[in-house]
PDB file of all heavy atoms in Angstrom:
ATOM      1  N   LEU A   1       1.502 -20.965  34.967  1.00  0.00           N
ATOM      2  CA  LEU A   1       1.281 -21.980  36.047  1.00  0.00           C
ATOM      3  C   LEU A   1       1.402 -23.447  35.301  1.00  0.00           C
ATOM      4  O   LEU A   1       2.024 -24.352  35.889  1.00  0.00           O
ATOM      5  CB  LEU A   1       0.000 -21.853  36.736  1.00  0.00           C
ATOM      6  CG  LEU A   1       0.013 -20.590  37.732  1.00  0.00           C
ATOM      7  CD1 LEU A   1      -1.502 -20.384  38.156  1.00  0.00           C
ATOM      8  CD2 LEU A   1       0.927 -20.774  38.858  1.00  0.00           C
ATOM      9  N   ASP A   2       0.735 -23.518  34.121  1.00  0.00           N
ATOM     10  CA  ASP A   2       0.775 -24.823  33.451  1.00  0.00           C
ATOM     11  C   ASP A   2       2.207 -25.253  33.166  1.00  0.00           C
ATOM     12  O   ASP A   2       2.576 -26.475  33.347  1.00  0.00           O
ATOM     13  CB  ASP A   2      -0.042 -24.625  32.173  1.00  0.00           C
ATOM     14  CG  ASP A   2      -0.415 -25.970  31.462  1.00  0.00           C
ATOM     15  OD1 ASP A   2      -0.597 -26.958  32.305  1.00  0.00           O
ATOM     16  OD2 ASP A   2      -0.641 -25.933  30.249  1.00  0.00           O
ATOM     17  N   TYR A   3       3.081 -24.355  32.712  1.00  0.00           N
ATOM     18  CA  TYR A   3       4.405 -24.626  32.396  1.00  0.00           C
ATOM     19  C   TYR A   3       5.120 -24.969  33.626  1.00  0.00           C
ATOM     20  O   TYR A   3       5.901 -25.992  33.637  1.00  0.00           O
ATOM     21  CB  TYR A   3       5.091 -23.387  31.789  1.00  0.00           C
ATOM     22  CG  TYR A   3       6.443 -23.674  31.166  1.00  0.00           C
ATOM     23  CD1 TYR A   3       6.686 -23.891  29.636  1.00  0.00           C
ATOM     24  CD2 TYR A   3       7.505 -23.694  31.825  1.00  0.00           C
ATOM     25  CE1 TYR A   3       7.867 -24.002  29.197  1.00  0.00           C
ATOM     26  CE2 TYR A   3       8.853 -23.814  31.328  1.00  0.00           C
ATOM     27  CZ  TYR A   3       8.886 -24.098  30.015  1.00  0.00           C
ATOM     28  OH  TYR A   3      10.170 -24.340  29.505  1.00  0.00           O
ATOM     29  N   LEU A   4       5.085 -24.206  34.581  1.00  0.00           N
ATOM     30  CA  LEU A   4       5.812 -24.445  35.959  1.00  0.00           C
ATOM     31  C   LEU A   4       5.460 -25.818  36.478  1.00  0.00           C
ATOM     32  O   LEU A   4       6.431 -26.576  36.804  1.00  0.00           O
ATOM     33  CB  LEU A   4       5.425 -23.461  36.920  1.00  0.00           C
ATOM     34  CG  LEU A   4       6.116 -22.005  36.769  1.00  0.00           C
ATOM     35  CD1 LEU A   4       5.470 -20.905  37.542  1.00  0.00           C
ATOM     36  CD2 LEU A   4       7.580 -22.043  37.019  1.00  0.00           C
ATOM     37  N   VAL A   5       4.247 -26.240  36.420  1.00  0.00           N
ATOM     38  CA  VAL A   5       3.830 -27.486  37.057  1.00  0.00           C
ATOM     39  C   VAL A   5       4.136 -28.701  36.289  1.00  0.00           C
ATOM     40  O   VAL A   5       4.138 -29.797  36.738  1.00  0.00           O
ATOM     41  CB  VAL A   5       2.482 -27.497  37.798  1.00  0.00           C
ATOM     42  CG1 VAL A   5       2.441 -26.334  38.735  1.00  0.00           C
ATOM     43  CG2 VAL A   5       1.429 -27.382  36.721  1.00  0.00           C
ATOM     44  N   HIS A   6       4.194 -28.562  34.941  1.00  0.00           N
ATOM     45  CA  HIS A   6       4.385 -29.690  34.096  1.00  0.00           C
ATOM     46  C   HIS A   6       5.732 -29.971  33.598  1.00  0.00           C
ATOM     47  O   HIS A   6       6.083 -31.089  33.093  1.00  0.00           O
ATOM     48  CB  HIS A   6       3.423 -29.622  32.951  1.00  0.00           C
ATOM     49  CG  HIS A   6       2.045 -29.938  33.113  1.00  0.00           C
ATOM     50  ND1 HIS A   6       1.132 -28.895  33.423  1.00  0.00           N
ATOM     51  CD2 HIS A   6       1.514 -31.138  33.347  1.00  0.00           C
ATOM     52  CE1 HIS A   6      -0.068 -29.607  33.749  1.00  0.00           C
ATOM     53  NE2 HIS A   6       0.147 -30.835  33.643  1.00  0.00           N
ATOM     54  N   VAL A   7       6.791 -29.013  33.720  1.00  0.00           N
ATOM     55  CA  VAL A   7       8.030 -29.090  33.176  1.00  0.00           C
ATOM     56  C   VAL A   7       9.042 -29.516  34.374  1.00  0.00           C
ATOM     57  O   VAL A   7       9.952 -30.251  33.975  1.00  0.00           O
ATOM     58  CB  VAL A   7       8.636 -27.789  32.533  1.00  0.00           C
ATOM     59  CG1 VAL A   7      10.027 -27.905  32.192  1.00  0.00           C
ATOM     60  CG2 VAL A   7       7.695 -27.569  31.245  1.00  0.00           C
ATOM     61  N   ALA A   8       8.721 -29.338  35.455  1.00  0.00           N
ATOM     62  CA  ALA A   8       9.596 -29.556  36.632  1.00  0.00           C
ATOM     63  C   ALA A   8       9.579 -30.970  37.002  1.00  0.00           C
ATOM     64  O   ALA A   8       8.597 -31.686  36.910  1.00  0.00           O
ATOM     65  CB  ALA A   8       9.198 -28.670  37.800  1.00  0.00           C
ATOM     66  N   SER A   9      10.681 -31.409  37.624  1.00  0.00           N
ATOM     67  CA  SER A   9      10.887 -32.832  38.089  1.00  0.00           C
ATOM     68  C   SER A   9      10.662 -32.929  39.526  1.00  0.00           C
ATOM     69  O   SER A   9      10.697 -33.884  40.184  1.00  0.00           O
ATOM     70  CB  SER A   9      12.180 -33.475  37.693  1.00  0.00           C
ATOM     71  OG  SER A   9      12.396 -33.546  36.312  1.00  0.00           O
ATOM     72  N   GLY A  10      10.640 -31.699  40.204  1.00  0.00           N
ATOM     73  CA  GLY A  10      10.541 -31.525  41.715  1.00  0.00           C
ATOM     74  C   GLY A  10      10.129 -30.099  41.950  1.00  0.00           C
ATOM     75  O   GLY A  10      10.341 -29.213  41.154  1.00  0.00           O
ATOM     76  N   PHE A  11       9.742 -29.944  43.225  1.00  0.00           N
ATOM     77  CA  PHE A  11       9.284 -28.486  43.568  1.00  0.00           C
ATOM     78  C   PHE A  11       9.659 -28.146  45.023  1.00  0.00           C
ATOM     79  O   PHE A  11       9.647 -29.183  45.959  1.00  0.00           O
ATOM     80  CB  PHE A  11       7.726 -28.517  43.607  1.00  0.00           C
ATOM     81  CG  PHE A  11       7.070 -28.858  42.217  1.00  0.00           C
ATOM     82  CD1 PHE A  11       6.821 -30.317  41.975  1.00  0.00           C
ATOM     83  CD2 PHE A  11       7.008 -27.876  41.351  1.00  0.00           C
ATOM     84  CE1 PHE A  11       6.322 -30.626  40.811  1.00  0.00           C
ATOM     85  CE2 PHE A  11       6.289 -28.282  40.118  1.00  0.00           C
ATOM     86  CZ  PHE A  11       6.095 -29.634  39.781  1.00  0.00           C
ATOM     87  N   ILE A  12      10.075 -27.024  45.288  1.00  0.00           N
ATOM     88  CA  ILE A  12      10.404 -26.478  46.605  1.00  0.00           C
ATOM     89  C   ILE A  12       9.515 -25.288  46.781  1.00  0.00           C
ATOM     90  O   ILE A  12       9.400 -24.347  45.938  1.00  0.00           O
ATOM     91  CB  ILE A  12      11.873 -26.128  46.877  1.00  0.00           C
ATOM     92  CG1 ILE A  12      12.680 -27.335  46.755  1.00  0.00           C
ATOM     93  CG2 ILE A  12      12.062 -25.406  48.217  1.00  0.00           C
ATOM     94  CD1 ILE A  12      14.227 -27.029  46.775  1.00  0.00           C
ATOM     95  N   VAL A  13       8.744 -25.116  47.812  1.00  0.00           N
ATOM     96  CA  VAL A  13       7.933 -23.910  48.188  1.00  0.00           C
ATOM     97  C   VAL A  13       8.501 -23.293  49.327  1.00  0.00           C
ATOM     98  O   VAL A  13       8.649 -23.725  50.415  1.00  0.00           O
ATOM     99  CB  VAL A  13       6.506 -24.551  48.534  1.00  0.00           C
ATOM    100  CG1 VAL A  13       5.534 -23.292  48.519  1.00  0.00           C
ATOM    101  CG2 VAL A  13       5.854 -25.510  47.407  1.00  0.00           C
ATOM    102  N   LEU A  14       8.868 -22.013  49.077  1.00  0.00           N
ATOM    103  CA  LEU A  14       9.343 -21.105  49.988  1.00  0.00           C
ATOM    104  C   LEU A  14       8.148 -20.294  50.678  1.00  0.00           C
ATOM    105  O   LEU A  14       7.038 -20.523  50.241  1.00  0.00           O
ATOM    106  CB  LEU A  14      10.363 -20.127  49.418  1.00  0.00           C
ATOM    107  CG  LEU A  14      11.577 -20.737  48.706  1.00  0.00           C
ATOM    108  CD1 LEU A  14      12.476 -19.733  48.070  1.00  0.00           C
ATOM    109  CD2 LEU A  14      12.424 -21.701  49.648  1.00  0.00           C
ATOM    110  N   GLU A  15       8.528 -19.507  51.687  1.00  0.00           N
ATOM    111  CA  GLU A  15       7.484 -18.559  52.233  1.00  0.00           C
ATOM    112  C   GLU A  15       6.926 -17.723  51.068  1.00  0.00           C
ATOM    113  O   GLU A  15       7.655 -17.301  50.253  1.00  0.00           O
ATOM    114  CB  GLU A  15       8.046 -17.781  53.376  1.00  0.00           C
ATOM    115  CG  GLU A  15       8.441 -18.564  54.419  1.00  0.00           C
ATOM    116  CD  GLU A  15       9.090 -17.743  55.665  1.00  0.00           C
ATOM    117  OE1 GLU A  15       8.875 -16.508  55.655  1.00  0.00           O
ATOM    118  OE2 GLU A  15       9.611 -18.370  56.440  1.00  0.00           O
ATOM    119  N   GLY A  16       5.712 -17.445  51.092  1.00  0.00           N
ATOM    120  CA  GLY A  16       5.051 -16.486  50.121  1.00  0.00           C
ATOM    121  C   GLY A  16       3.663 -16.217  50.524  1.00  0.00           C
ATOM    122  O   GLY A  16       3.252 -16.492  51.553  1.00  0.00           O
ATOM    123  N   SER A  17       2.913 -15.629  49.454  1.00  0.00           N
ATOM    124  CA  SER A  17       1.558 -15.182  49.777  1.00  0.00           C
ATOM    125  C   SER A  17       0.618 -15.987  48.863  1.00  0.00           C
ATOM    126  O   SER A  17       0.860 -17.160  48.554  1.00  0.00           O
ATOM    127  CB  SER A  17       1.531 -13.720  49.527  1.00  0.00           C
ATOM    128  OG  SER A  17       0.275 -13.238  50.032  1.00  0.00           O
ATOM    129  N   ILE A  18      -0.414 -15.328  48.288  1.00  0.00           N
ATOM    130  CA  ILE A  18      -1.418 -16.045  47.676  1.00  0.00           C
ATOM    131  C   ILE A  18      -0.910 -16.730  46.329  1.00  0.00           C
ATOM    132  O   ILE A  18      -1.447 -17.801  45.827  1.00  0.00           O
ATOM    133  CB  ILE A  18      -2.735 -15.173  47.296  1.00  0.00           C
ATOM    134  CG1 ILE A  18      -2.474 -14.000  46.526  1.00  0.00           C
ATOM    135  CG2 ILE A  18      -3.421 -14.902  48.657  1.00  0.00           C
ATOM    136  CD1 ILE A  18      -3.697 -13.279  46.127  1.00  0.00           C
ATOM    137  N   GLY A  19       0.106 -16.047  45.575  1.00  0.00           N
ATOM    138  CA  GLY A  19       0.636 -16.608  44.402  1.00  0.00           C
ATOM    139  C   GLY A  19       1.241 -17.931  44.633  1.00  0.00           C
ATOM    140  O   GLY A  19       1.167 -18.932  43.940  1.00  0.00           O
ATOM    141  N   THR A  20       2.058 -17.909  45.733  1.00  0.00           N
ATOM    142  CA  THR A  20       2.730 -19.045  46.266  1.00  0.00           C
ATOM    143  C   THR A  20       1.785 -20.060  46.570  1.00  0.00           C
ATOM    144  O   THR A  20       2.084 -21.363  46.237  1.00  0.00           O
ATOM    145  CB  THR A  20       3.790 -18.734  47.408  1.00  0.00           C
ATOM    146  OG1 THR A  20       4.679 -17.819  46.876  1.00  0.00           O
ATOM    147  CG2 THR A  20       4.608 -19.916  47.797  1.00  0.00           C
ATOM    148  N   LEU A  21       0.763 -19.761  47.285  1.00  0.00           N
ATOM    149  CA  LEU A  21      -0.279 -20.794  47.633  1.00  0.00           C
ATOM    150  C   LEU A  21      -0.910 -21.434  46.429  1.00  0.00           C
ATOM    151  O   LEU A  21      -1.262 -22.523  46.395  1.00  0.00           O
ATOM    152  CB  LEU A  21      -1.282 -20.113  48.597  1.00  0.00           C
ATOM    153  CG  LEU A  21      -0.708 -19.805  50.025  1.00  0.00           C
ATOM    154  CD1 LEU A  21      -1.848 -18.998  50.699  1.00  0.00           C
ATOM    155  CD2 LEU A  21      -0.442 -20.977  50.745  1.00  0.00           C
ATOM    156  N   ALA A  22      -1.202 -20.578  45.465  1.00  0.00           N
ATOM    157  CA  ALA A  22      -1.796 -21.060  44.269  1.00  0.00           C
ATOM    158  C   ALA A  22      -0.975 -22.078  43.593  1.00  0.00           C
ATOM    159  O   ALA A  22      -1.344 -23.089  43.108  1.00  0.00           O
ATOM    160  CB  ALA A  22      -2.055 -19.997  43.281  1.00  0.00           C
ATOM    161  N   GLU A  23       0.421 -21.746  43.559  1.00  0.00           N
ATOM    162  CA  GLU A  23       1.363 -22.768  42.817  1.00  0.00           C
ATOM    163  C   GLU A  23       1.418 -23.951  43.680  1.00  0.00           C
ATOM    164  O   GLU A  23       1.363 -25.188  43.168  1.00  0.00           O
ATOM    165  CB  GLU A  23       2.719 -22.085  42.869  1.00  0.00           C
ATOM    166  CG  GLU A  23       2.755 -20.903  41.777  1.00  0.00           C
ATOM    167  CD  GLU A  23       3.866 -19.840  42.072  1.00  0.00           C
ATOM    168  OE1 GLU A  23       4.509 -19.802  43.174  1.00  0.00           O
ATOM    169  OE2 GLU A  23       4.179 -19.261  41.200  1.00  0.00           O
ATOM    170  N   LEU A  24       1.448 -23.950  45.087  1.00  0.00           N
ATOM    171  CA  LEU A  24       1.454 -25.032  45.801  1.00  0.00           C
ATOM    172  C   LEU A  24       0.224 -25.934  45.699  1.00  0.00           C
ATOM    173  O   LEU A  24       0.322 -27.122  45.442  1.00  0.00           O
ATOM    174  CB  LEU A  24       1.549 -24.667  47.372  1.00  0.00           C
ATOM    175  CG  LEU A  24       1.271 -25.803  48.373  1.00  0.00           C
ATOM    176  CD1 LEU A  24       2.233 -26.851  48.356  1.00  0.00           C
ATOM    177  CD2 LEU A  24       1.179 -25.180  49.851  1.00  0.00           C
TER     178      LEU A  24
END
């Protein structure tokens, strides 16, 4: 999660469950 949220310049959140909600 640390890598995903610090390396990206932008984010798109698709439909998902608790893992997707945690990322959001």
